[in-house]
Amino acid sequence: GEDPRTFITRLKGRVALVHLKDIRSGTAFEFQD
């Protein structure tokens, strides 16, 4: 449910690695592990 760009920018300086993966437009929010 978050915007990746905003979230990554928010944690500037605290992110060591990023998994840059695409997602199909319209995919519903899901709280999965």
PDB file of all heavy atoms in Angstrom:
ATOM      1  N   GLY A   1       0.771  -1.232   0.000  1.00  0.00           N
ATOM      2  CA  GLY A   1       0.000   0.000   0.000  1.00  0.00           C
ATOM      3  C   GLY A   1       0.803   1.283   0.000  1.00  0.00           C
ATOM      4  O   GLY A   1       0.235   2.371   0.143  1.00  0.00           O
ATOM      5  N   GLU A   2       2.130   1.194  -0.168  1.00  0.00           N
ATOM      6  CA  GLU A   2       2.980   2.385  -0.176  1.00  0.00           C
ATOM      7  C   GLU A   2       3.504   2.661  -1.588  1.00  0.00           C
ATOM      8  O   GLU A   2       3.547   1.761  -2.435  1.00  0.00           O
ATOM      9  CB  GLU A   2       4.165   2.197   0.776  1.00  0.00           C
ATOM     10  CG  GLU A   2       3.803   2.206   2.255  1.00  0.00           C
ATOM     11  CD  GLU A   2       3.686   3.608   2.812  1.00  0.00           C
ATOM     12  OE1 GLU A   2       4.013   4.568   2.082  1.00  0.00           O
ATOM     13  OE2 GLU A   2       3.253   3.750   3.968  1.00  0.00           O
ATOM     14  N   ASP A   3       3.931   3.892  -1.803  1.00  0.00           N
ATOM     15  CA  ASP A   3       4.586   4.247  -3.058  1.00  0.00           C
ATOM     16  C   ASP A   3       6.085   3.982  -2.918  1.00  0.00           C
ATOM     17  O   ASP A   3       6.736   4.567  -2.040  1.00  0.00           O
ATOM     18  CB  ASP A   3       4.363   5.728  -3.376  1.00  0.00           C
ATOM     19  CG  ASP A   3       5.130   6.166  -4.604  1.00  0.00           C
ATOM     20  OD1 ASP A   3       4.836   5.660  -5.700  1.00  0.00           O
ATOM     21  OD2 ASP A   3       6.042   7.009  -4.458  1.00  0.00           O
ATOM     22  N   PRO A   4       6.660   3.095  -3.733  1.00  0.00           N
ATOM     23  CA  PRO A   4       8.073   2.741  -3.586  1.00  0.00           C
ATOM     24  C   PRO A   4       9.012   3.938  -3.635  1.00  0.00           C
ATOM     25  O   PRO A   4       9.950   4.030  -2.831  1.00  0.00           O
ATOM     26  CB  PRO A   4       8.325   1.779  -4.752  1.00  0.00           C
ATOM     27  CG  PRO A   4       6.992   1.166  -5.014  1.00  0.00           C
ATOM     28  CD  PRO A   4       6.006   2.272  -4.773  1.00  0.00           C
ATOM     29  N   ARG A   5       8.790   4.858  -4.571  1.00  0.00           N
ATOM     30  CA  ARG A   5       9.684   6.012  -4.710  1.00  0.00           C
ATOM     31  C   ARG A   5       9.682   6.851  -3.431  1.00  0.00           C
ATOM     32  O   ARG A   5      10.738   7.228  -2.911  1.00  0.00           O
ATOM     33  CB  ARG A   5       9.252   6.862  -5.902  1.00  0.00           C
ATOM     34  CG  ARG A   5      10.065   8.131  -6.058  1.00  0.00           C
ATOM     35  CD  ARG A   5       9.735   8.835  -7.345  1.00  0.00           C
ATOM     36  NE  ARG A   5      10.564  10.017  -7.525  1.00  0.00           N
ATOM     37  CZ  ARG A   5      10.744  10.628  -8.673  1.00  0.00           C
ATOM     38  NH1 ARG A   5      10.169  10.157  -9.763  1.00  0.00           N
ATOM     39  NH2 ARG A   5      11.498  11.701  -8.766  1.00  0.00           N
ATOM     40  N   THR A   6       8.502   7.124  -2.904  1.00  0.00           N
ATOM     41  CA  THR A   6       8.384   7.923  -1.685  1.00  0.00           C
ATOM     42  C   THR A   6       9.026   7.213  -0.503  1.00  0.00           C
ATOM     43  O   THR A   6       9.731   7.834   0.308  1.00  0.00           O
ATOM     44  CB  THR A   6       6.906   8.212  -1.376  1.00  0.00           C
ATOM     45  OG1 THR A   6       6.322   8.900  -2.487  1.00  0.00           O
ATOM     46  CG2 THR A   6       6.763   9.061  -0.125  1.00  0.00           C
ATOM     47  N   PHE A   7       8.801   5.899  -0.422  1.00  0.00           N
ATOM     48  CA  PHE A   7       9.302   5.144   0.725  1.00  0.00           C
ATOM     49  C   PHE A   7      10.826   5.035   0.701  1.00  0.00           C
ATOM     50  O   PHE A   7      11.492   5.176   1.733  1.00  0.00           O
ATOM     51  CB  PHE A   7       8.671   3.753   0.752  1.00  0.00           C
ATOM     52  CG  PHE A   7       8.706   3.107   2.106  1.00  0.00           C
ATOM     53  CD1 PHE A   7       7.823   3.498   3.101  1.00  0.00           C
ATOM     54  CD2 PHE A   7       9.629   2.118   2.392  1.00  0.00           C
ATOM     55  CE1 PHE A   7       7.859   2.908   4.360  1.00  0.00           C
ATOM     56  CE2 PHE A   7       9.674   1.522   3.637  1.00  0.00           C
ATOM     57  CZ  PHE A   7       8.787   1.921   4.619  1.00  0.00           C
ATOM     58  N   ILE A   8      11.380   4.787  -0.475  1.00  0.00           N
ATOM     59  CA  ILE A   8      12.839   4.701  -0.595  1.00  0.00           C
ATOM     60  C   ILE A   8      13.477   6.044  -0.256  1.00  0.00           C
ATOM     61  O   ILE A   8      14.492   6.106   0.441  1.00  0.00           O
ATOM     62  CB  ILE A   8      13.229   4.243  -2.017  1.00  0.00           C
ATOM     63  CG1 ILE A   8      12.826   2.782  -2.228  1.00  0.00           C
ATOM     64  CG2 ILE A   8      14.726   4.408  -2.250  1.00  0.00           C
ATOM     65  CD1 ILE A   8      12.956   2.312  -3.663  1.00  0.00           C
ATOM     66  N   THR A   9      12.879   7.118  -0.754  1.00  0.00           N
ATOM     67  CA  THR A   9      13.397   8.458  -0.470  1.00  0.00           C
ATOM     68  C   THR A   9      13.326   8.767   1.023  1.00  0.00           C
ATOM     69  O   THR A   9      14.247   9.373   1.588  1.00  0.00           O
ATOM     70  CB  THR A   9      12.610   9.516  -1.260  1.00  0.00           C
ATOM     71  OG1 THR A   9      12.698   9.204  -2.656  1.00  0.00           O
ATOM     72  CG2 THR A   9      13.166  10.904  -1.028  1.00  0.00           C
ATOM     73  N   ARG A  10      12.246   8.338   1.667  1.00  0.00           N
ATOM     74  CA  ARG A  10      12.077   8.571   3.102  1.00  0.00           C
ATOM     75  C   ARG A  10      13.219   7.959   3.911  1.00  0.00           C
ATOM     76  O   ARG A  10      13.657   8.530   4.907  1.00  0.00           O
ATOM     77  CB  ARG A  10      10.741   7.977   3.560  1.00  0.00           C
ATOM     78  CG  ARG A  10      10.505   8.068   5.072  1.00  0.00           C
ATOM     79  CD  ARG A  10       9.261   7.321   5.476  1.00  0.00           C
ATOM     80  NE  ARG A  10       9.123   7.286   6.912  1.00  0.00           N
ATOM     81  CZ  ARG A  10       8.212   6.564   7.557  1.00  0.00           C
ATOM     82  NH1 ARG A  10       7.348   5.815   6.877  1.00  0.00           N
ATOM     83  NH2 ARG A  10       8.166   6.569   8.880  1.00  0.00           N
ATOM     84  N   LEU A  11      13.696   6.795   3.482  1.00  0.00           N
ATOM     85  CA  LEU A  11      14.736   6.086   4.230  1.00  0.00           C
ATOM     86  C   LEU A  11      16.135   6.339   3.668  1.00  0.00           C
ATOM     87  O   LEU A  11      17.035   5.514   3.840  1.00  0.00           O
ATOM     88  CB  LEU A  11      14.441   4.582   4.248  1.00  0.00           C
ATOM     89  CG  LEU A  11      13.208   4.168   5.054  1.00  0.00           C
ATOM     90  CD1 LEU A  11      12.990   2.672   4.980  1.00  0.00           C
ATOM     91  CD2 LEU A  11      13.334   4.603   6.507  1.00  0.00           C
ATOM     92  N   LYS A  12      16.315   7.467   3.028  1.00  0.00           N
ATOM     93  CA  LYS A  12      17.615   7.810   2.455  1.00  0.00           C
ATOM     94  C   LYS A  12      18.715   7.683   3.511  1.00  0.00           C
ATOM     95  O   LYS A  12      18.598   8.185   4.625  1.00  0.00           O
ATOM     96  CB  LYS A  12      17.587   9.241   1.920  1.00  0.00           C
ATOM     97  CG  LYS A  12      18.877   9.665   1.242  1.00  0.00           C
ATOM     98  CD  LYS A  12      18.729  11.060   0.647  1.00  0.00           C
ATOM     99  CE  LYS A  12      20.006  11.497  -0.043  1.00  0.00           C
ATOM    100  NZ  LYS A  12      19.866  12.842  -0.663  1.00  0.00           N
ATOM    101  N   GLY A  13      19.782   6.970   3.147  1.00  0.00           N
ATOM    102  CA  GLY A  13      20.894   6.764   4.056  1.00  0.00           C
ATOM    103  C   GLY A  13      20.773   5.511   4.903  1.00  0.00           C
ATOM    104  O   GLY A  13      21.733   5.100   5.560  1.00  0.00           O
ATOM    105  N   ARG A  14      19.592   4.867   4.875  1.00  0.00           N
ATOM    106  CA  ARG A  14      19.381   3.671   5.700  1.00  0.00           C
ATOM    107  C   ARG A  14      19.112   2.431   4.849  1.00  0.00           C
ATOM    108  O   ARG A  14      18.821   1.360   5.389  1.00  0.00           O
ATOM    109  CB  ARG A  14      18.202   3.898   6.660  1.00  0.00           C
ATOM    110  CG  ARG A  14      18.426   5.047   7.627  1.00  0.00           C
ATOM    111  CD  ARG A  14      17.290   5.172   8.617  1.00  0.00           C
ATOM    112  NE  ARG A  14      17.208   4.008   9.489  1.00  0.00           N
ATOM    113  CZ  ARG A  14      16.299   3.869  10.453  1.00  0.00           C
ATOM    114  NH1 ARG A  14      15.407   4.822  10.667  1.00  0.00           N
ATOM    115  NH2 ARG A  14      16.276   2.773  11.207  1.00  0.00           N
ATOM    116  N   VAL A  15      19.227   2.571   3.538  1.00  0.00           N
ATOM    117  CA  VAL A  15      18.939   1.465   2.625  1.00  0.00           C
ATOM    118  C   VAL A  15      20.239   0.974   1.993  1.00  0.00           C
ATOM    119  O   VAL A  15      20.918   1.719   1.301  1.00  0.00           O
ATOM    120  CB  VAL A  15      17.945   1.895   1.520  1.00  0.00           C
ATOM    121  CG1 VAL A  15      17.632   0.716   0.602  1.00  0.00           C
ATOM    122  CG2 VAL A  15      16.672   2.458   2.141  1.00  0.00           C
ATOM    123  N   ALA A  16      20.561  -0.282   2.255  1.00  0.00           N
ATOM    124  CA  ALA A  16      21.798  -0.845   1.714  1.00  0.00           C
ATOM    125  C   ALA A  16      21.571  -1.551   0.388  1.00  0.00           C
ATOM    126  O   ALA A  16      22.451  -1.594  -0.470  1.00  0.00           O
ATOM    127  CB  ALA A  16      22.414  -1.818   2.718  1.00  0.00           C
ATOM    128  N   LEU A  17      20.396  -2.130   0.217  1.00  0.00           N
ATOM    129  CA  LEU A  17      20.088  -2.901  -0.986  1.00  0.00           C
ATOM    130  C   LEU A  17      18.644  -2.654  -1.391  1.00  0.00           C
ATOM    131  O   LEU A  17      17.789  -2.384  -0.537  1.00  0.00           O
ATOM    132  CB  LEU A  17      20.279  -4.406  -0.734  1.00  0.00           C
ATOM    133  CG  LEU A  17      21.688  -4.901  -0.425  1.00  0.00           C
ATOM    134  CD1 LEU A  17      21.620  -6.296   0.183  1.00  0.00           C
ATOM    135  CD2 LEU A  17      22.529  -4.915  -1.678  1.00  0.00           C
ATOM    136  N   VAL A  18      18.370  -2.763  -2.682  1.00  0.00           N
ATOM    137  CA  VAL A  18      17.010  -2.626  -3.187  1.00  0.00           C
ATOM    138  C   VAL A  18      16.707  -3.776  -4.137  1.00  0.00           C
ATOM    139  O   VAL A  18      17.497  -4.062  -5.040  1.00  0.00           O
ATOM    140  CB  VAL A  18      16.809  -1.287  -3.926  1.00  0.00           C
ATOM    141  CG1 VAL A  18      15.429  -1.253  -4.587  1.00  0.00           C
ATOM    142  CG2 VAL A  18      16.957  -0.114  -2.972  1.00  0.00           C
ATOM    143  N   HIS A  19      15.584  -4.440  -3.914  1.00  0.00           N
ATOM    144  CA  HIS A  19      15.066  -5.413  -4.877  1.00  0.00           C
ATOM    145  C   HIS A  19      14.108  -4.646  -5.789  1.00  0.00           C
ATOM    146  O   HIS A  19      12.990  -4.321  -5.393  1.00  0.00           O
ATOM    147  CB  HIS A  19      14.342  -6.550  -4.167  1.00  0.00           C
ATOM    148  CG  HIS A  19      15.266  -7.605  -3.658  1.00  0.00           C
ATOM    149  ND1 HIS A  19      14.824  -8.785  -3.095  1.00  0.00           N
ATOM    150  CD2 HIS A  19      16.628  -7.662  -3.634  1.00  0.00           C
ATOM    151  CE1 HIS A  19      15.871  -9.515  -2.749  1.00  0.00           C
ATOM    152  NE2 HIS A  19      16.964  -8.857  -3.069  1.00  0.00           N
ATOM    153  N   LEU A  20      14.542  -4.363  -7.004  1.00  0.00           N
ATOM    154  CA  LEU A  20      13.766  -3.560  -7.952  1.00  0.00           C
ATOM    155  C   LEU A  20      12.926  -4.503  -8.799  1.00  0.00           C
ATOM    156  O   LEU A  20      13.407  -5.096  -9.755  1.00  0.00           O
ATOM    157  CB  LEU A  20      14.707  -2.718  -8.810  1.00  0.00           C
ATOM    158  CG  LEU A  20      14.064  -1.726  -9.770  1.00  0.00           C
ATOM    159  CD1 LEU A  20      13.238  -0.690  -9.019  1.00  0.00           C
ATOM    160  CD2 LEU A  20      15.134  -1.047 -10.613  1.00  0.00           C
ATOM    161  N   LYS A  21      11.652  -4.628  -8.420  1.00  0.00           N
ATOM    162  CA  LYS A  21      10.762  -5.575  -9.098  1.00  0.00           C
ATOM    163  C   LYS A  21       9.489  -4.863  -9.548  1.00  0.00           C
ATOM    164  O   LYS A  21       9.002  -3.971  -8.866  1.00  0.00           O
ATOM    165  CB  LYS A  21      10.405  -6.738  -8.173  1.00  0.00           C
ATOM    166  CG  LYS A  21      11.624  -7.555  -7.741  1.00  0.00           C
ATOM    167  CD  LYS A  21      11.237  -8.807  -6.997  1.00  0.00           C
ATOM    168  CE  LYS A  21      10.585  -8.528  -5.683  1.00  0.00           C
ATOM    169  NZ  LYS A  21      10.483  -9.710  -4.816  1.00  0.00           N
ATOM    170  N   ASP A  22       8.981  -5.289 -10.677  1.00  0.00           N
ATOM    171  CA  ASP A  22       7.782  -4.684 -11.233  1.00  0.00           C
ATOM    172  C   ASP A  22       6.547  -5.367 -10.651  1.00  0.00           C
ATOM    173  O   ASP A  22       6.632  -6.445 -10.059  1.00  0.00           O
ATOM    174  CB  ASP A  22       7.794  -4.829 -12.759  1.00  0.00           C
ATOM    175  CG  ASP A  22       6.940  -3.784 -13.443  1.00  0.00           C
ATOM    176  OD1 ASP A  22       6.288  -3.001 -12.730  1.00  0.00           O
ATOM    177  OD2 ASP A  22       6.922  -3.759 -14.680  1.00  0.00           O
ATOM    178  N   ILE A  23       5.395  -4.717 -10.832  1.00  0.00           N
ATOM    179  CA  ILE A  23       4.125  -5.270 -10.380  1.00  0.00           C
ATOM    180  C   ILE A  23       3.058  -4.875 -11.380  1.00  0.00           C
ATOM    181  O   ILE A  23       3.074  -3.760 -11.913  1.00  0.00           O
ATOM    182  CB  ILE A  23       3.772  -4.763  -8.958  1.00  0.00           C
ATOM    183  CG1 ILE A  23       2.465  -5.389  -8.468  1.00  0.00           C
ATOM    184  CG2 ILE A  23       3.693  -3.256  -8.904  1.00  0.00           C
ATOM    185  CD1 ILE A  23       2.177  -5.091  -7.011  1.00  0.00           C
ATOM    186  N   ARG A  24       2.146  -5.787 -11.645  1.00  0.00           N
ATOM    187  CA  ARG A  24       1.091  -5.511 -12.612  1.00  0.00           C
ATOM    188  C   ARG A  24       0.168  -4.415 -12.095  1.00  0.00           C
ATOM    189  O   ARG A  24      -0.251  -4.429 -10.934  1.00  0.00           O
ATOM    190  CB  ARG A  24       0.294  -6.784 -12.881  1.00  0.00           C
ATOM    191  CG  ARG A  24      -0.796  -6.640 -13.944  1.00  0.00           C
ATOM    192  CD  ARG A  24      -1.404  -7.974 -14.287  1.00  0.00           C
ATOM    193  NE  ARG A  24      -0.389  -8.863 -14.870  1.00  0.00           N
ATOM    194  CZ  ARG A  24      -0.608 -10.154 -15.088  1.00  0.00           C
ATOM    195  NH1 ARG A  24      -1.753 -10.697 -14.773  1.00  0.00           N
ATOM    196  NH2 ARG A  24       0.363 -10.896 -15.623  1.00  0.00           N
ATOM    197  N   SER A  25      -0.147  -3.461 -12.945  1.00  0.00           N
ATOM    198  CA  SER A  25      -1.022  -2.353 -12.568  1.00  0.00           C
ATOM    199  C   SER A  25      -2.373  -2.887 -12.105  1.00  0.00           C
ATOM    200  O   SER A  25      -2.954  -3.771 -12.729  1.00  0.00           O
ATOM    201  CB  SER A  25      -1.203  -1.412 -13.758  1.00  0.00           C
ATOM    202  OG  SER A  25      -2.092  -0.360 -13.421  1.00  0.00           O
ATOM    203  N   GLY A  26      -2.855  -2.354 -10.976  1.00  0.00           N
ATOM    204  CA  GLY A  26      -4.157  -2.760 -10.465  1.00  0.00           C
ATOM    205  C   GLY A  26      -4.112  -3.913  -9.491  1.00  0.00           C
ATOM    206  O   GLY A  26      -5.151  -4.332  -8.967  1.00  0.00           O
ATOM    207  N   THR A  27      -2.913  -4.467  -9.216  1.00  0.00           N
ATOM    208  CA  THR A  27      -2.801  -5.558  -8.251  1.00  0.00           C
ATOM    209  C   THR A  27      -3.249  -5.067  -6.872  1.00  0.00           C
ATOM    210  O   THR A  27      -2.826  -4.016  -6.414  1.00  0.00           O
ATOM    211  CB  THR A  27      -1.354  -6.074  -8.170  1.00  0.00           C
ATOM    212  OG1 THR A  27      -0.956  -6.533  -9.466  1.00  0.00           O
ATOM    213  CG2 THR A  27      -1.243  -7.230  -7.179  1.00  0.00           C
ATOM    214  N   ALA A  28      -4.114  -5.847  -6.227  1.00  0.00           N
ATOM    215  CA  ALA A  28      -4.678  -5.434  -4.937  1.00  0.00           C
ATOM    216  C   ALA A  28      -3.626  -5.483  -3.828  1.00  0.00           C
ATOM    217  O   ALA A  28      -2.652  -6.234  -3.896  1.00  0.00           O
ATOM    218  CB  ALA A  28      -5.845  -6.346  -4.567  1.00  0.00           C
ATOM    219  N   PHE A  29      -3.826  -4.657  -2.796  1.00  0.00           N
ATOM    220  CA  PHE A  29      -2.961  -4.675  -1.618  1.00  0.00           C
ATOM    221  C   PHE A  29      -3.151  -6.013  -0.904  1.00  0.00           C
ATOM    222  O   PHE A  29      -4.259  -6.489  -0.725  1.00  0.00           O
ATOM    223  CB  PHE A  29      -3.303  -3.544  -0.649  1.00  0.00           C
ATOM    224  CG  PHE A  29      -3.153  -2.167  -1.242  1.00  0.00           C
ATOM    225  CD1 PHE A  29      -3.861  -1.107  -0.728  1.00  0.00           C
ATOM    226  CD2 PHE A  29      -2.297  -1.937  -2.284  1.00  0.00           C
ATOM    227  CE1 PHE A  29      -3.728   0.171  -1.265  1.00  0.00           C
ATOM    228  CE2 PHE A  29      -2.151  -0.668  -2.839  1.00  0.00           C
ATOM    229  CZ  PHE A  29      -2.876   0.385  -2.326  1.00  0.00           C
ATOM    230  N   GLU A  30      -2.036  -6.598  -0.476  1.00  0.00           N
ATOM    231  CA  GLU A  30      -2.097  -7.869   0.258  1.00  0.00           C
ATOM    232  C   GLU A  30      -1.014  -7.845   1.328  1.00  0.00           C
ATOM    233  O   GLU A  30       0.128  -7.470   1.056  1.00  0.00           O
ATOM    234  CB  GLU A  30      -1.860  -9.053  -0.680  1.00  0.00           C
ATOM    235  CG  GLU A  30      -2.891  -9.198  -1.785  1.00  0.00           C
ATOM    236  CD  GLU A  30      -2.503 -10.238  -2.818  1.00  0.00           C
ATOM    237  OE1 GLU A  30      -1.512 -10.943  -2.589  1.00  0.00           O
ATOM    238  OE2 GLU A  30      -3.200 -10.325  -3.842  1.00  0.00           O
ATOM    239  N   PHE A  31      -1.357  -8.257   2.532  1.00  0.00           N
ATOM    240  CA  PHE A  31      -0.386  -8.294   3.612  1.00  0.00           C
ATOM    241  C   PHE A  31       0.119  -9.733   3.741  1.00  0.00           C
ATOM    242  O   PHE A  31      -0.448 -10.553   4.454  1.00  0.00           O
ATOM    243  CB  PHE A  31      -1.011  -7.790   4.916  1.00  0.00           C
ATOM    244  CG  PHE A  31      -1.479  -6.360   4.811  1.00  0.00           C
ATOM    245  CD1 PHE A  31      -2.822  -6.045   4.892  1.00  0.00           C
ATOM    246  CD2 PHE A  31      -0.571  -5.339   4.596  1.00  0.00           C
ATOM    247  CE1 PHE A  31      -3.250  -4.731   4.772  1.00  0.00           C
ATOM    248  CE2 PHE A  31      -0.986  -4.025   4.472  1.00  0.00           C
ATOM    249  CZ  PHE A  31      -2.328  -3.722   4.573  1.00  0.00           C
ATOM    250  N   GLN A  32       1.197 -10.015   2.997  1.00  0.00           N
ATOM    251  CA  GLN A  32       1.756 -11.351   2.911  1.00  0.00           C
ATOM    252  C   GLN A  32       3.166 -11.360   3.480  1.00  0.00           C
ATOM    253  O   GLN A  32       3.826 -10.339   3.573  1.00  0.00           O
ATOM    254  CB  GLN A  32       1.770 -11.825   1.453  1.00  0.00           C
ATOM    255  CG  GLN A  32       0.392 -11.930   0.817  1.00  0.00           C
ATOM    256  CD  GLN A  32      -0.369 -13.163   1.245  1.00  0.00           C
ATOM    257  OE1 GLN A  32       0.197 -14.070   1.861  1.00  0.00           O
ATOM    258  NE2 GLN A  32      -1.651 -13.205   0.944  1.00  0.00           N
ATOM    259  N   ASP A  33       3.615 -12.581   3.816  1.00  0.00           N
ATOM    260  CA  ASP A  33       4.963 -12.702   4.374  1.00  0.00           C
ATOM    261  C   ASP A  33       5.935 -13.395   3.446  1.00  0.00           C
ATOM    262  O   ASP A  33       6.918 -13.979   3.873  1.00  0.00           O
ATOM    263  CB  ASP A  33       4.936 -13.412   5.726  1.00  0.00           C
ATOM    264  CG  ASP A  33       4.236 -14.768   5.659  1.00  0.00           C
ATOM    265  OD1 ASP A  33       3.821 -15.157   4.559  1.00  0.00           O
ATOM    266  OD2 ASP A  33       4.121 -15.403   6.711  1.00  0.00           O
TER     267      ASP A  33
END
